[in-house]
C-alpha atoms as a PDB file:
ATOM      1  CA  MET A   1      -8.483  -8.886  35.883  1.00  0.00           C
ATOM      2  CA  MET A   2      -5.910  -7.633  33.387  1.00  0.00           C
ATOM      3  CA  SER A   3      -5.654  -9.392  30.019  1.00  0.00           C
ATOM      4  CA  THR A   4      -2.267 -10.253  28.601  1.00  0.00           C
ATOM      5  CA  GLY A   5      -3.239  -9.354  25.049  1.00  0.00           C
ATOM      6  CA  PHE A   6      -2.483 -12.858  23.738  1.00  0.00           C
ATOM      7  CA  PHE A   7      -5.010 -14.996  21.934  1.00  0.00           C
ATOM      8  CA  HIS A   8      -4.877 -18.361  20.166  1.00  0.00           C
ATOM      9  CA  VAL A   9      -5.517 -18.675  16.431  1.00  0.00           C
ATOM     10  CA  PRO A  10      -5.666 -22.385  15.491  1.00  0.00           C
ATOM     11  CA  LEU A  11      -4.699 -23.684  12.028  1.00  0.00           C
ATOM     12  CA  GLN A  12      -7.596 -25.390  10.239  1.00  0.00           C
ATOM     13  CA  ASP A  13      -5.713 -28.433   9.044  1.00  0.00           C
ATOM     14  CA  LYS A  14      -2.298 -29.847   8.070  1.00  0.00           C
ATOM     15  CA  THR A  15      -2.786 -29.062   4.344  1.00  0.00           C
ATOM     16  CA  TYR A  16      -3.047 -25.361   5.147  1.00  0.00           C
ATOM     17  CA  SER A  17       0.087 -25.627   7.293  1.00  0.00           C
ATOM     18  CA  LEU A  18       2.036 -27.339   4.536  1.00  0.00           C
ATOM     19  CA  LYS A  19       1.016 -24.707   1.945  1.00  0.00           C
ATOM     20  CA  PHE A  20       1.905 -22.010   4.496  1.00  0.00           C
ATOM     21  CA  GLU A  21       5.407 -23.417   4.946  1.00  0.00           C
ATOM     22  CA  GLN A  22       5.973 -23.637   1.170  1.00  0.00           C
ATOM     23  CA  ARG A  23       4.985 -20.060   0.673  1.00  0.00           C
ATOM     24  CA  MET A  24       7.230 -18.858   3.429  1.00  0.00           C
ATOM     25  CA  GLU A  25      10.381 -20.301   1.773  1.00  0.00           C
ATOM     26  CA  ASN A  26       9.868 -18.154  -1.362  1.00  0.00           C
ATOM     27  CA  ASN A  27       8.623 -14.963   0.203  1.00  0.00           C
ATOM     28  CA  SER A  28      11.265 -13.631   2.609  1.00  0.00           C
ATOM     29  CA  GLU A  29      10.330 -10.014   1.684  1.00  0.00           C
ATOM     30  CA  LEU A  30       6.690 -10.700   2.614  1.00  0.00           C
ATOM     31  CA  ASN A  31       7.810 -12.550   5.778  1.00  0.00           C
ATOM     32  CA  ASN A  32       9.709  -9.384   6.819  1.00  0.00           C
ATOM     33  CA  ARG A  33       6.740  -7.141   5.956  1.00  0.00           C
ATOM     34  CA  ALA A  34       4.434  -9.380   8.047  1.00  0.00           C
ATOM     35  CA  ALA A  35       6.683  -8.770  11.052  1.00  0.00           C
ATOM     36  CA  GLN A  36       6.265  -4.937  10.670  1.00  0.00           C
ATOM     37  CA  TYR A  37       2.656  -4.668   9.378  1.00  0.00           C
ATOM     38  CA  THR A  38      -0.502  -4.613  11.522  1.00  0.00           C
ATOM     39  CA  LEU A  39      -2.170  -7.969  10.938  1.00  0.00           C
ATOM     40  CA  CYS A  40      -5.765  -9.087  11.343  1.00  0.00           C
ATOM     41  CA  PHE A  41      -6.678 -12.642  12.300  1.00  0.00           C
ATOM     42  CA  ASN A  42     -10.484 -12.171  11.924  1.00  0.00           C
ATOM     43  CA  ALA A  43     -11.232 -15.105   9.615  1.00  0.00           C
ATOM     44  CA  GLN A  44     -14.991 -14.536  10.074  1.00  0.00           C
ATOM     45  CA  CYS A  45     -14.812 -11.106   8.426  1.00  0.00           C
ATOM     46  CA  SER A  46     -16.757 -10.900   5.109  1.00  0.00           C
ATOM     47  CA  LYS A  47     -13.767  -9.147   3.517  1.00  0.00           C
ATOM     48  CA  ALA A  48     -11.022 -11.430   4.937  1.00  0.00           C
ATOM     49  CA  GLU A  49     -10.198 -12.955   1.566  1.00  0.00           C
ATOM     50  CA  SER A  50      -9.593  -9.561  -0.050  1.00  0.00           C
ATOM     51  CA  CYS A  51      -7.956  -7.820   2.968  1.00  0.00           C
ATOM     52  CA  LEU A  52      -4.150  -7.282   2.943  1.00  0.00           C
ATOM     53  CA  ARG A  53      -3.977  -7.308   6.704  1.00  0.00           C
ATOM     54  CA  HIS A  54      -5.615 -10.790   6.824  1.00  0.00           C
ATOM     55  CA  SER A  55      -3.720 -12.116   3.784  1.00  0.00           C
ATOM     56  CA  MET A  56      -0.402 -11.117   5.362  1.00  0.00           C
ATOM     57  CA  THR A  57      -1.079 -13.432   8.325  1.00  0.00           C
ATOM     58  CA  GLN A  58       0.071 -16.363   6.118  1.00  0.00           C
ATOM     59  CA  TYR A  59       3.551 -14.947   5.941  1.00  0.00           C
ATOM     60  CA  ASN A  60       4.022 -14.787   9.682  1.00  0.00           C
ATOM     61  CA  THR A  61       6.915 -16.994  10.977  1.00  0.00           C
ATOM     62  CA  ALA A  62       8.045 -18.298  14.301  1.00  0.00           C
ATOM     63  CA  GLN A  63      10.902 -15.842  14.123  1.00  0.00           C
ATOM     64  CA  ASN A  64       8.409 -13.041  14.790  1.00  0.00           C
ATOM     65  CA  ALA A  65       8.012 -13.251  18.571  1.00  0.00           C
ATOM     66  CA  ARG A  66       6.011 -10.011  18.704  1.00  0.00           C
ATOM     67  CA  LEU A  67       3.388  -8.836  16.201  1.00  0.00           C
ATOM     68  CA  SER A  68       1.195  -5.814  15.727  1.00  0.00           C
ATOM     69  CA  VAL A  69      -2.402  -7.045  15.375  1.00  0.00           C
ATOM     70  CA  ILE A  70      -5.876  -5.505  15.248  1.00  0.00           C
ATOM     71  CA  ASN A  71      -7.382  -5.927  18.687  1.00  0.00           C
ATOM     72  CA  PRO A  72     -10.133  -8.541  18.478  1.00  0.00           C
ATOM     73  CA  LEU A  73     -12.294  -6.306  20.678  1.00  0.00           C
ATOM     74  CA  CYS A  74     -12.141  -3.774  17.804  1.00  0.00           C
ATOM     75  CA  TYR A  75     -13.434  -6.028  15.092  1.00  0.00           C
ATOM     76  CA  PRO A  76     -16.438  -4.318  13.456  1.00  0.00           C
ATOM     77  CA  ALA A  77     -19.897  -5.782  14.019  1.00  0.00           C
ATOM     78  CA  ALA A  78     -21.303  -7.925  11.140  1.00  0.00           C
ATOM     79  CA  GLY A  79     -22.269  -5.740   8.203  1.00  0.00           C
ATOM     80  CA  LYS A  80     -20.254  -2.683   9.381  1.00  0.00           C
ATOM     81  CA  GLU A  81     -17.344  -1.278   7.454  1.00  0.00           C
ATOM     82  CA  CYS A  82     -13.893  -2.029   8.846  1.00  0.00           C
ATOM     83  CA  PRO A  83     -11.719   1.060   9.262  1.00  0.00           C
ATOM     84  CA  HIS A  84      -8.622  -1.182   9.093  1.00  0.00           C
ATOM     85  CA  PHE A  85      -9.352  -2.751   5.752  1.00  0.00           C
ATOM     86  CA  ARG A  86      -6.686  -2.591   3.028  1.00  0.00           C
ATOM     87  CA  THR A  87      -7.208  -4.333  -0.285  1.00  0.00           C
ATOM     88  CA  ASN A  88      -4.803  -7.165  -1.174  1.00  0.00           C
ATOM     89  CA  LYS A  89      -4.909  -6.181  -4.847  1.00  0.00           C
ATOM     90  CA  LYS A  90      -1.743  -4.571  -6.180  1.00  0.00           C
ATOM     91  CA  VAL A  91      -1.944  -1.080  -7.625  1.00  0.00           C
ATOM     92  CA  ARG A  92       0.123   0.555 -10.408  1.00  0.00           C
ATOM     93  CA  VAL A  93       2.647   2.832  -8.807  1.00  0.00           C
ATOM     94  CA  ALA A  94       4.453   5.448 -10.935  1.00  0.00           C
ATOM     95  CA  TRP A  95       8.049   6.417 -10.308  1.00  0.00           C
ATOM     96  CA  GLY A  96       9.522   9.741 -11.364  1.00  0.00           C
ATOM     97  CA  PHE A  97       8.499  12.418 -13.818  1.00  0.00           C
ATOM     98  CA  LYS A  98      11.759  13.997 -14.968  1.00  0.00           C
ATOM     99  CA  THR A  99      10.558  14.114 -18.573  1.00  0.00           C
ATOM    100  CA  LEU A 100       7.179  15.570 -17.712  1.00  0.00           C
ATOM    101  CA  TYR A 101       8.102  19.077 -18.676  1.00  0.00           C
ATOM    102  CA  ASP A 102      10.221  18.270 -21.760  1.00  0.00           C
ATOM    103  CA  ASN A 103       7.649  19.134 -24.456  1.00  0.00           C
ATOM    104  CA  MET A 104       5.726  21.822 -22.629  1.00  0.00           C
ATOM    105  CA  PRO A 105       6.010  25.535 -23.235  1.00  0.00           C
ATOM    106  CA  ALA A 106       7.937  27.265 -20.444  1.00  0.00           C
ATOM    107  CA  ARG A 107       4.940  29.200 -19.114  1.00  0.00           C
ATOM    108  CA  ILE A 108       2.902  26.016 -18.679  1.00  0.00           C
ATOM    109  CA  SER A 109       5.717  23.893 -17.273  1.00  0.00           C
ATOM    110  CA  HIS A 110       6.540  26.665 -14.783  1.00  0.00           C
ATOM    111  CA  ALA A 111       2.906  26.965 -13.606  1.00  0.00           C
ATOM    112  CA  ILE A 112       2.602  23.143 -13.265  1.00  0.00           C
ATOM    113  CA  HIS A 113       5.827  22.941 -11.385  1.00  0.00           C
ATOM    114  CA  LEU A 114       4.794  25.587  -8.879  1.00  0.00           C
ATOM    115  CA  ASN A 115       1.334  24.005  -8.423  1.00  0.00           C
ATOM    116  CA  LEU A 116       2.693  20.494  -7.898  1.00  0.00           C
ATOM    117  CA  GLU A 117       5.345  21.750  -5.497  1.00  0.00           C
ATOM    118  CA  ALA A 118       2.611  23.501  -3.501  1.00  0.00           C
ATOM    119  CA  ILE A 119       0.550  20.327  -3.392  1.00  0.00           C
ATOM    120  CA  PHE A 120       3.356  17.890  -2.450  1.00  0.00           C
ATOM    121  CA  ARG A 121       5.714  20.385  -0.700  1.00  0.00           C
ATOM    122  CA  HIS A 122       9.247  21.125  -1.794  1.00  0.00           C
ATOM    123  CA  SER A 123      11.198  18.125  -0.493  1.00  0.00           C
ATOM    124  CA  PRO A 124       8.620  15.406  -1.261  1.00  0.00           C
ATOM    125  CA  TYR A 125       8.018  16.937  -4.748  1.00  0.00           C
ATOM    126  CA  TYR A 126      11.662  16.272  -5.606  1.00  0.00           C
ATOM    127  CA  ARG A 127      11.590  12.756  -4.083  1.00  0.00           C
ATOM    128  CA  TYR A 128       8.592  11.929  -6.279  1.00  0.00           C
ATOM    129  CA  ARG A 129      10.202  13.540  -9.328  1.00  0.00           C
ATOM    130  CA  ASN A 130      13.516  11.708  -8.867  1.00  0.00           C
ATOM    131  CA  GLN A 131      11.984   8.241  -8.173  1.00  0.00           C
ATOM    132  CA  LYS A 132      12.792   8.195  -4.475  1.00  0.00           C
ATOM    133  CA  LEU A 133       9.110   7.889  -3.626  1.00  0.00           C
ATOM    134  CA  GLY A 134       6.339   6.128  -5.639  1.00  0.00           C
ATOM    135  CA  LEU A 135       3.168   7.890  -6.701  1.00  0.00           C
ATOM    136  CA  THR A 136      -0.126   6.206  -5.884  1.00  0.00           C
ATOM    137  CA  PRO A 137      -2.880   6.101  -8.496  1.00  0.00           C
ATOM    138  CA  LYS A 138      -4.592   8.934  -6.689  1.00  0.00           C
ATOM    139  CA  GLN A 139      -1.398  11.098  -6.804  1.00  0.00           C
ATOM    140  CA  GLN A 140      -0.905  10.270 -10.503  1.00  0.00           C
ATOM    141  CA  GLU A 141      -4.436  11.483 -11.176  1.00  0.00           C
ATOM    142  CA  CYS A 142      -3.753  14.651  -9.159  1.00  0.00           C
ATOM    143  CA  ILE A 143      -0.732  15.378 -11.426  1.00  0.00           C
ATOM    144  CA  ARG A 144      -2.877  14.759 -14.583  1.00  0.00           C
ATOM    145  CA  GLN A 145      -5.558  17.120 -13.251  1.00  0.00           C
ATOM    146  CA  VAL A 146      -3.005  19.876 -12.480  1.00  0.00           C
ATOM    147  CA  CYS A 147      -1.544  19.537 -16.029  1.00  0.00           C
ATOM    148  CA  LYS A 148      -5.089  19.811 -17.571  1.00  0.00           C
ATOM    149  CA  LYS A 149      -5.903  22.789 -15.272  1.00  0.00           C
ATOM    150  CA  HIS A 150      -2.912  24.671 -16.769  1.00  0.00           C
ATOM    151  CA  GLY A 151      -3.826  23.713 -20.310  1.00  0.00           C
ATOM    152  CA  TRP A 152      -1.676  20.685 -20.949  1.00  0.00           C
ATOM    153  CA  ASN A 153      -3.833  17.947 -22.452  1.00  0.00           C
ATOM    154  CA  GLU A 154      -1.112  15.547 -23.712  1.00  0.00           C
ATOM    155  CA  GLU A 155      -0.769  12.089 -22.159  1.00  0.00           C
ATOM    156  CA  ILE A 156       1.218  12.102 -18.899  1.00  0.00           C
ATOM    157  CA  VAL A 157       3.817   9.405 -18.884  1.00  0.00           C
ATOM    158  CA  PHE A 158       5.879   8.663 -15.842  1.00  0.00           C
ATOM    159  CA  ASP A 159       9.486   7.400 -15.847  1.00  0.00           C
ATOM    160  CA  ARG A 160       8.553   3.822 -14.864  1.00  0.00           C
ATOM    161  CA  TYR A 161       5.787   1.756 -13.272  1.00  0.00           C
ATOM    162  CA  THR A 162       5.624  -1.046 -10.741  1.00  0.00           C
ATOM    163  CA  GLU A 163       2.784  -3.179  -9.262  1.00  0.00           C
ATOM    164  CA  GLU A 164       2.766  -2.722  -5.462  1.00  0.00           C
ATOM    165  CA  TYR A 165       0.580  -3.340  -2.444  1.00  0.00           C
ATOM    166  CA  GLU A 166      -0.829  -0.172  -0.839  1.00  0.00           C
ATOM    167  CA  TRP A 167       0.505  -0.692   2.607  1.00  0.00           C
END
């Protein structure tokens, strides 16, 4: 017998439902994200409270007729790590580094530029540099390490910072 892929997820109580509706009104961006993000309805998971995929289920609306969800048959066994887990804590994303080379000697800035362009590739390098793409904490650390490797030990300051979820 072939399964339709649908399953029922009951709401616990009316209080939850009311809070859910109040949050929806003020979070249209998150509502839109929930429609496009892979969600997880596994409330029994030990990491459900800190999982972005589970947290985003509260921003689901009736306007989203179709959703991408983690298949319940693929939920990890108790005590096992979930390969789909994403933390619901925001991270500090850096945007742009146009001023990175301003105070560096030319030989150091040139070596760092070539090294970073080799790591990120030509086109993405310029998107990161010009604030078209944000740099994750891991990428920020990579830039710091490249600068240190080439002898630049001054503090690395990016053009601006935002707090974002790691989708």
